[in-house]
Amino acid sequence: MLETIDSCPAPVIARVQGHALGGGCGLVACSDIAIAA
């Protein structure tokens, strides 16, 4: 799953709020651009 997001051909923007814990941080790291509250 993480590799599929990381290698997604289109740019990926993560819209992050509240908590990003454990694997949630992994999702943020896989995104090309991360914007957080």
PDB file of all heavy atoms in Angstrom:
ATOM      1  N   MET A   1       0.828  -1.200   0.000  1.00  0.00           N
ATOM      2  CA  MET A   1       0.000   0.000   0.000  1.00  0.00           C
ATOM      3  C   MET A   1       0.865   1.254   0.000  1.00  0.00           C
ATOM      4  O   MET A   1       0.652   2.179  -0.794  1.00  0.00           O
ATOM      5  CB  MET A   1      -0.913   0.012   1.226  1.00  0.00           C
ATOM      6  CG  MET A   1      -1.796   1.250   1.320  1.00  0.00           C
ATOM      7  SD  MET A   1      -2.489   1.499   2.967  1.00  0.00           S
ATOM      8  CE  MET A   1      -1.047   2.130   3.848  1.00  0.00           C
ATOM      9  N   LEU A   2       1.856   1.292   0.883  1.00  0.00           N
ATOM     10  CA  LEU A   2       2.729   2.462   0.976  1.00  0.00           C
ATOM     11  C   LEU A   2       3.506   2.670  -0.319  1.00  0.00           C
ATOM     12  O   LEU A   2       3.662   3.806  -0.785  1.00  0.00           O
ATOM     13  CB  LEU A   2       3.683   2.309   2.157  1.00  0.00           C
ATOM     14  CG  LEU A   2       3.022   2.277   3.542  1.00  0.00           C
ATOM     15  CD1 LEU A   2       4.036   1.859   4.603  1.00  0.00           C
ATOM     16  CD2 LEU A   2       2.403   3.619   3.894  1.00  0.00           C
ATOM     17  N   GLU A   3       3.992   1.597  -0.912  1.00  0.00           N
ATOM     18  CA  GLU A   3       4.737   1.718  -2.163  1.00  0.00           C
ATOM     19  C   GLU A   3       3.830   2.198  -3.304  1.00  0.00           C
ATOM     20  O   GLU A   3       4.278   2.955  -4.171  1.00  0.00           O
ATOM     21  CB  GLU A   3       5.372   0.382  -2.523  1.00  0.00           C
ATOM     22  CG  GLU A   3       6.558   0.015  -1.641  1.00  0.00           C
ATOM     23  CD  GLU A   3       7.252  -1.253  -2.078  1.00  0.00           C
ATOM     24  OE1 GLU A   3       6.707  -1.969  -2.955  1.00  0.00           O
ATOM     25  OE2 GLU A   3       8.337  -1.546  -1.529  1.00  0.00           O
ATOM     26  N   THR A   4       2.574   1.763  -3.297  1.00  0.00           N
ATOM     27  CA  THR A   4       1.642   2.196  -4.338  1.00  0.00           C
ATOM     28  C   THR A   4       1.374   3.691  -4.229  1.00  0.00           C
ATOM     29  O   THR A   4       1.307   4.402  -5.245  1.00  0.00           O
ATOM     30  CB  THR A   4       0.325   1.409  -4.229  1.00  0.00           C
ATOM     31  OG1 THR A   4       0.598   0.009  -4.346  1.00  0.00           O
ATOM     32  CG2 THR A   4      -0.651   1.808  -5.328  1.00  0.00           C
ATOM     33  N   ILE A   5       1.240   4.190  -3.014  1.00  0.00           N
ATOM     34  CA  ILE A   5       1.041   5.631  -2.821  1.00  0.00           C
ATOM     35  C   ILE A   5       2.310   6.389  -3.191  1.00  0.00           C
ATOM     36  O   ILE A   5       2.269   7.396  -3.917  1.00  0.00           O
ATOM     37  CB  ILE A   5       0.629   5.925  -1.368  1.00  0.00           C
ATOM     38  CG1 ILE A   5      -0.710   5.274  -1.040  1.00  0.00           C
ATOM     39  CG2 ILE A   5       0.569   7.441  -1.118  1.00  0.00           C
ATOM     40  CD1 ILE A   5      -1.096   5.330   0.418  1.00  0.00           C
ATOM     41  N   ASP A   6       3.452   5.913  -2.716  1.00  0.00           N
ATOM     42  CA  ASP A   6       4.725   6.577  -2.972  1.00  0.00           C
ATOM     43  C   ASP A   6       5.024   6.667  -4.462  1.00  0.00           C
ATOM     44  O   ASP A   6       5.526   7.685  -4.947  1.00  0.00           O
ATOM     45  CB  ASP A   6       5.839   5.809  -2.260  1.00  0.00           C
ATOM     46  CG  ASP A   6       7.181   6.497  -2.333  1.00  0.00           C
ATOM     47  OD1 ASP A   6       7.293   7.629  -1.825  1.00  0.00           O
ATOM     48  OD2 ASP A   6       8.125   5.908  -2.889  1.00  0.00           O
ATOM     49  N   SER A   7       4.709   5.626  -5.202  1.00  0.00           N
ATOM     50  CA  SER A   7       5.024   5.570  -6.632  1.00  0.00           C
ATOM     51  C   SER A   7       3.865   5.998  -7.517  1.00  0.00           C
ATOM     52  O   SER A   7       3.958   5.892  -8.744  1.00  0.00           O
ATOM     53  CB  SER A   7       5.465   4.152  -7.020  1.00  0.00           C
ATOM     54  OG  SER A   7       4.406   3.221  -6.802  1.00  0.00           O
ATOM     55  N   CYS A   8       2.782   6.467  -6.924  1.00  0.00           N
ATOM     56  CA  CYS A   8       1.645   6.960  -7.723  1.00  0.00           C
ATOM     57  C   CYS A   8       2.161   7.967  -8.747  1.00  0.00           C
ATOM     58  O   CYS A   8       2.868   8.913  -8.380  1.00  0.00           O
ATOM     59  CB  CYS A   8       0.622   7.615  -6.796  1.00  0.00           C
ATOM     60  SG  CYS A   8      -0.751   8.408  -7.651  1.00  0.00           S
ATOM     61  N   PRO A   9       1.852   7.809 -10.024  1.00  0.00           N
ATOM     62  CA  PRO A   9       2.431   8.702 -11.036  1.00  0.00           C
ATOM     63  C   PRO A   9       2.007  10.155 -10.878  1.00  0.00           C
ATOM     64  O   PRO A   9       2.763  11.067 -11.218  1.00  0.00           O
ATOM     65  CB  PRO A   9       1.939   8.111 -12.360  1.00  0.00           C
ATOM     66  CG  PRO A   9       0.759   7.270 -11.999  1.00  0.00           C
ATOM     67  CD  PRO A   9       1.036   6.741 -10.638  1.00  0.00           C
ATOM     68  N   ALA A  10       0.817  10.392 -10.358  1.00  0.00           N
ATOM     69  CA  ALA A  10       0.342  11.761 -10.154  1.00  0.00           C
ATOM     70  C   ALA A  10       0.844  12.283  -8.807  1.00  0.00           C
ATOM     71  O   ALA A  10       1.000  11.512  -7.853  1.00  0.00           O
ATOM     72  CB  ALA A  10      -1.175  11.801 -10.186  1.00  0.00           C
ATOM     73  N   PRO A  11       1.104  13.577  -8.695  1.00  0.00           N
ATOM     74  CA  PRO A  11       1.484  14.144  -7.404  1.00  0.00           C
ATOM     75  C   PRO A  11       0.399  13.898  -6.354  1.00  0.00           C
ATOM     76  O   PRO A  11      -0.796  14.019  -6.641  1.00  0.00           O
ATOM     77  CB  PRO A  11       1.634  15.641  -7.701  1.00  0.00           C
ATOM     78  CG  PRO A  11       1.901  15.715  -9.170  1.00  0.00           C
ATOM     79  CD  PRO A  11       1.122  14.587  -9.773  1.00  0.00           C
ATOM     80  N   VAL A  12       0.821  13.555  -5.138  1.00  0.00           N
ATOM     81  CA  VAL A  12      -0.092  13.255  -4.034  1.00  0.00           C
ATOM     82  C   VAL A  12       0.057  14.320  -2.955  1.00  0.00           C
ATOM     83  O   VAL A  12       1.164  14.575  -2.470  1.00  0.00           O
ATOM     84  CB  VAL A  12       0.190  11.860  -3.438  1.00  0.00           C
ATOM     85  CG1 VAL A  12      -0.729  11.591  -2.244  1.00  0.00           C
ATOM     86  CG2 VAL A  12       0.028  10.774  -4.498  1.00  0.00           C
ATOM     87  N   ILE A  13      -1.055  14.933  -2.584  1.00  0.00           N
ATOM     88  CA  ILE A  13      -1.088  15.927  -1.516  1.00  0.00           C
ATOM     89  C   ILE A  13      -1.779  15.320  -0.313  1.00  0.00           C
ATOM     90  O   ILE A  13      -2.904  14.823  -0.418  1.00  0.00           O
ATOM     91  CB  ILE A  13      -1.851  17.196  -1.950  1.00  0.00           C
ATOM     92  CG1 ILE A  13      -1.221  17.820  -3.194  1.00  0.00           C
ATOM     93  CG2 ILE A  13      -1.918  18.207  -0.808  1.00  0.00           C
ATOM     94  CD1 ILE A  13      -2.054  18.942  -3.798  1.00  0.00           C
ATOM     95  N   ALA A  14      -1.127  15.351   0.849  1.00  0.00           N
ATOM     96  CA  ALA A  14      -1.744  14.897   2.089  1.00  0.00           C
ATOM     97  C   ALA A  14      -2.310  16.100   2.842  1.00  0.00           C
ATOM     98  O   ALA A  14      -1.603  17.082   3.080  1.00  0.00           O
ATOM     99  CB  ALA A  14      -0.737  14.165   2.959  1.00  0.00           C
ATOM    100  N   ARG A  15      -3.563  16.024   3.195  1.00  0.00           N
ATOM    101  CA  ARG A  15      -4.255  17.055   3.985  1.00  0.00           C
ATOM    102  C   ARG A  15      -4.374  16.512   5.403  1.00  0.00           C
ATOM    103  O   ARG A  15      -5.180  15.632   5.678  1.00  0.00           O
ATOM    104  CB  ARG A  15      -5.635  17.333   3.371  1.00  0.00           C
ATOM    105  CG  ARG A  15      -6.463  18.374   4.087  1.00  0.00           C
ATOM    106  CD  ARG A  15      -7.901  18.325   3.619  1.00  0.00           C
ATOM    107  NE  ARG A  15      -8.729  19.344   4.216  1.00  0.00           N
ATOM    108  CZ  ARG A  15      -9.247  19.279   5.444  1.00  0.00           C
ATOM    109  NH1 ARG A  15      -9.005  18.222   6.214  1.00  0.00           N
ATOM    110  NH2 ARG A  15     -10.001  20.260   5.903  1.00  0.00           N
ATOM    111  N   VAL A  16      -3.573  17.045   6.320  1.00  0.00           N
ATOM    112  CA  VAL A  16      -3.354  16.388   7.617  1.00  0.00           C
ATOM    113  C   VAL A  16      -3.893  17.250   8.760  1.00  0.00           C
ATOM    114  O   VAL A  16      -3.554  18.432   8.860  1.00  0.00           O
ATOM    115  CB  VAL A  16      -1.851  16.122   7.837  1.00  0.00           C
ATOM    116  CG1 VAL A  16      -1.631  15.283   9.098  1.00  0.00           C
ATOM    117  CG2 VAL A  16      -1.241  15.429   6.615  1.00  0.00           C
ATOM    118  N   GLN A  17      -4.696  16.619   9.624  1.00  0.00           N
ATOM    119  CA  GLN A  17      -5.221  17.315  10.789  1.00  0.00           C
ATOM    120  C   GLN A  17      -5.321  16.355  11.968  1.00  0.00           C
ATOM    121  O   GLN A  17      -5.293  15.146  11.798  1.00  0.00           O
ATOM    122  CB  GLN A  17      -6.599  17.918  10.485  1.00  0.00           C
ATOM    123  CG  GLN A  17      -7.799  16.989  10.649  1.00  0.00           C
ATOM    124  CD  GLN A  17      -7.927  15.944   9.567  1.00  0.00           C
ATOM    125  OE1 GLN A  17      -7.177  15.924   8.597  1.00  0.00           O
ATOM    126  NE2 GLN A  17      -8.895  15.039   9.707  1.00  0.00           N
ATOM    127  N   GLY A  18      -5.409  16.914  13.159  1.00  0.00           N
ATOM    128  CA  GLY A  18      -5.644  16.109  14.350  1.00  0.00           C
ATOM    129  C   GLY A  18      -4.448  15.296  14.773  1.00  0.00           C
ATOM    130  O   GLY A  18      -3.590  15.763  15.519  1.00  0.00           O
ATOM    131  N   HIS A  19      -4.387  14.064  14.298  1.00  0.00           N
ATOM    132  CA  HIS A  19      -3.291  13.159  14.629  1.00  0.00           C
ATOM    133  C   HIS A  19      -2.825  12.408  13.388  1.00  0.00           C
ATOM    134  O   HIS A  19      -3.637  12.002  12.557  1.00  0.00           O
ATOM    135  CB  HIS A  19      -3.723  12.133  15.691  1.00  0.00           C
ATOM    136  CG  HIS A  19      -4.045  12.735  17.017  1.00  0.00           C
ATOM    137  ND1 HIS A  19      -5.296  13.205  17.322  1.00  0.00           N
ATOM    138  CD2 HIS A  19      -3.261  12.962  18.110  1.00  0.00           C
ATOM    139  CE1 HIS A  19      -5.286  13.689  18.561  1.00  0.00           C
ATOM    140  NE2 HIS A  19      -4.074  13.553  19.052  1.00  0.00           N
ATOM    141  N   ALA A  20      -1.522  12.224  13.300  1.00  0.00           N
ATOM    142  CA  ALA A  20      -0.901  11.325  12.321  1.00  0.00           C
ATOM    143  C   ALA A  20       0.105  10.504  13.105  1.00  0.00           C
ATOM    144  O   ALA A  20       1.212  10.962  13.391  1.00  0.00           O
ATOM    145  CB  ALA A  20      -0.237  12.105  11.194  1.00  0.00           C
ATOM    146  N   LEU A  21      -0.290   9.305  13.479  1.00  0.00           N
ATOM    147  CA  LEU A  21       0.504   8.487  14.388  1.00  0.00           C
ATOM    148  C   LEU A  21       0.896   7.177  13.710  1.00  0.00           C
ATOM    149  O   LEU A  21       0.112   6.609  12.958  1.00  0.00           O
ATOM    150  CB  LEU A  21      -0.291   8.180  15.664  1.00  0.00           C
ATOM    151  CG  LEU A  21      -0.935   9.373  16.378  1.00  0.00           C
ATOM    152  CD1 LEU A  21      -1.749   8.894  17.575  1.00  0.00           C
ATOM    153  CD2 LEU A  21       0.121  10.373  16.810  1.00  0.00           C
ATOM    154  N   GLY A  22       2.095   6.689  13.991  1.00  0.00           N
ATOM    155  CA  GLY A  22       2.534   5.405  13.458  1.00  0.00           C
ATOM    156  C   GLY A  22       2.394   5.354  11.948  1.00  0.00           C
ATOM    157  O   GLY A  22       3.004   6.132  11.214  1.00  0.00           O
ATOM    158  N   GLY A  23       1.562   4.428  11.478  1.00  0.00           N
ATOM    159  CA  GLY A  23       1.339   4.302  10.051  1.00  0.00           C
ATOM    160  C   GLY A  23       0.750   5.546   9.423  1.00  0.00           C
ATOM    161  O   GLY A  23       0.918   5.781   8.229  1.00  0.00           O
ATOM    162  N   GLY A  24       0.060   6.363  10.224  1.00  0.00           N
ATOM    163  CA  GLY A  24      -0.433   7.644   9.715  1.00  0.00           C
ATOM    164  C   GLY A  24       0.704   8.550   9.299  1.00  0.00           C
ATOM    165  O   GLY A  24       0.621   9.265   8.298  1.00  0.00           O
ATOM    166  N   CYS A  25       1.812   8.519  10.079  1.00  0.00           N
ATOM    167  CA  CYS A  25       3.019   9.249   9.680  1.00  0.00           C
ATOM    168  C   CYS A  25       3.591   8.657   8.400  1.00  0.00           C
ATOM    169  O   CYS A  25       4.152   9.385   7.576  1.00  0.00           O
ATOM    170  CB  CYS A  25       4.071   9.182  10.788  1.00  0.00           C
ATOM    171  SG  CYS A  25       3.951  10.499  11.998  1.00  0.00           S
ATOM    172  N   GLY A  26       3.457   7.340   8.241  1.00  0.00           N
ATOM    173  CA  GLY A  26       3.915   6.706   7.008  1.00  0.00           C
ATOM    174  C   GLY A  26       3.169   7.222   5.796  1.00  0.00           C
ATOM    175  O   GLY A  26       3.767   7.465   4.741  1.00  0.00           O
ATOM    176  N   LEU A  27       1.857   7.430   5.925  1.00  0.00           N
ATOM    177  CA  LEU A  27       1.075   7.987   4.829  1.00  0.00           C
ATOM    178  C   LEU A  27       1.542   9.402   4.489  1.00  0.00           C
ATOM    179  O   LEU A  27       1.646   9.765   3.317  1.00  0.00           O
ATOM    180  CB  LEU A  27      -0.406   8.028   5.198  1.00  0.00           C
ATOM    181  CG  LEU A  27      -1.175   6.713   5.196  1.00  0.00           C
ATOM    182  CD1 LEU A  27      -2.606   6.955   5.665  1.00  0.00           C
ATOM    183  CD2 LEU A  27      -1.177   6.073   3.816  1.00  0.00           C
ATOM    184  N   VAL A  28       1.822  10.198   5.510  1.00  0.00           N
ATOM    185  CA  VAL A  28       2.318  11.555   5.277  1.00  0.00           C
ATOM    186  C   VAL A  28       3.651  11.494   4.534  1.00  0.00           C
ATOM    187  O   VAL A  28       3.893  12.242   3.580  1.00  0.00           O
ATOM    188  CB  VAL A  28       2.469  12.312   6.608  1.00  0.00           C
ATOM    189  CG1 VAL A  28       3.078  13.691   6.385  1.00  0.00           C
ATOM    190  CG2 VAL A  28       1.116  12.450   7.307  1.00  0.00           C
ATOM    191  N   ALA A  29       4.531  10.575   4.972  1.00  0.00           N
ATOM    192  CA  ALA A  29       5.855  10.462   4.359  1.00  0.00           C
ATOM    193  C   ALA A  29       5.774  10.009   2.908  1.00  0.00           C
ATOM    194  O   ALA A  29       6.636  10.365   2.099  1.00  0.00           O
ATOM    195  CB  ALA A  29       6.722   9.506   5.168  1.00  0.00           C
ATOM    196  N   CYS A  30       4.775   9.215   2.556  1.00  0.00           N
ATOM    197  CA  CYS A  30       4.613   8.725   1.177  1.00  0.00           C
ATOM    198  C   CYS A  30       4.075   9.787   0.234  1.00  0.00           C
ATOM    199  O   CYS A  30       4.154   9.625  -0.983  1.00  0.00           O
ATOM    200  CB  CYS A  30       3.662   7.536   1.151  1.00  0.00           C
ATOM    201  SG  CYS A  30       4.373   6.038   1.812  1.00  0.00           S
ATOM    202  N   SER A  31       3.506  10.837   0.776  1.00  0.00           N
ATOM    203  CA  SER A  31       2.913  11.884  -0.049  1.00  0.00           C
ATOM    204  C   SER A  31       3.995  12.816  -0.580  1.00  0.00           C
ATOM    205  O   SER A  31       5.013  13.028   0.070  1.00  0.00           O
ATOM    206  CB  SER A  31       1.882  12.669   0.764  1.00  0.00           C
ATOM    207  OG  SER A  31       0.873  11.809   1.257  1.00  0.00           O
ATOM    208  N   ASP A  32       3.751  13.385  -1.742  1.00  0.00           N
ATOM    209  CA  ASP A  32       4.715  14.319  -2.318  1.00  0.00           C
ATOM    210  C   ASP A  32       4.713  15.653  -1.585  1.00  0.00           C
ATOM    211  O   ASP A  32       5.755  16.273  -1.395  1.00  0.00           O
ATOM    212  CB  ASP A  32       4.397  14.535  -3.802  1.00  0.00           C
ATOM    213  CG  ASP A  32       4.499  13.247  -4.585  1.00  0.00           C
ATOM    214  OD1 ASP A  32       5.603  12.675  -4.620  1.00  0.00           O
ATOM    215  OD2 ASP A  32       3.485  12.807  -5.141  1.00  0.00           O
ATOM    216  N   ILE A  33       3.527  16.097  -1.200  1.00  0.00           N
ATOM    217  CA  ILE A  33       3.369  17.370  -0.504  1.00  0.00           C
ATOM    218  C   ILE A  33       2.419  17.137   0.665  1.00  0.00           C
ATOM    219  O   ILE A  33       1.352  16.539   0.497  1.00  0.00           O
ATOM    220  CB  ILE A  33       2.783  18.454  -1.435  1.00  0.00           C
ATOM    221  CG1 ILE A  33       3.595  18.569  -2.726  1.00  0.00           C
ATOM    222  CG2 ILE A  33       2.727  19.805  -0.721  1.00  0.00           C
ATOM    223  CD1 ILE A  33       2.922  19.397  -3.807  1.00  0.00           C
ATOM    224  N   ALA A  34       2.817  17.588   1.848  1.00  0.00           N
ATOM    225  CA  ALA A  34       1.978  17.421   3.033  1.00  0.00           C
ATOM    226  C   ALA A  34       1.702  18.787   3.651  1.00  0.00           C
ATOM    227  O   ALA A  34       2.628  19.536   3.940  1.00  0.00           O
ATOM    228  CB  ALA A  34       2.658  16.508   4.049  1.00  0.00           C
ATOM    229  N   ILE A  35       0.414  19.073   3.841  1.00  0.00           N
ATOM    230  CA  ILE A  35      -0.021  20.310   4.491  1.00  0.00           C
ATOM    231  C   ILE A  35      -0.745  19.923   5.769  1.00  0.00           C
ATOM    232  O   ILE A  35      -1.651  19.082   5.749  1.00  0.00           O
ATOM    233  CB  ILE A  35      -0.956  21.125   3.580  1.00  0.00           C
ATOM    234  CG1 ILE A  35      -0.266  21.436   2.254  1.00  0.00           C
ATOM    235  CG2 ILE A  35      -1.385  22.403   4.260  1.00  0.00           C
ATOM    236  CD1 ILE A  35      -1.160  22.165   1.271  1.00  0.00           C
ATOM    237  N   ALA A  36      -0.354  20.524   6.888  1.00  0.00           N
ATOM    238  CA  ALA A  36      -0.919  20.142   8.177  1.00  0.00           C
ATOM    239  C   ALA A  36      -1.518  21.336   8.897  1.00  0.00           C
ATOM    240  O   ALA A  36      -1.041  22.471   8.767  1.00  0.00           O
ATOM    241  CB  ALA A  36       0.154  19.508   9.058  1.00  0.00           C
ATOM    242  N   ALA A  37      -2.551  21.072   9.661  1.00  0.00           N
ATOM    243  CA  ALA A  37      -3.095  22.079  10.567  1.00  0.00           C
ATOM    244  C   ALA A  37      -2.074  22.333  11.669  1.00  0.00           C
ATOM    245  O   ALA A  37      -1.359  21.412  12.096  1.00  0.00           O
ATOM    246  CB  ALA A  37      -4.412  21.598  11.157  1.00  0.00           C
TER     247      ALA A  37
END
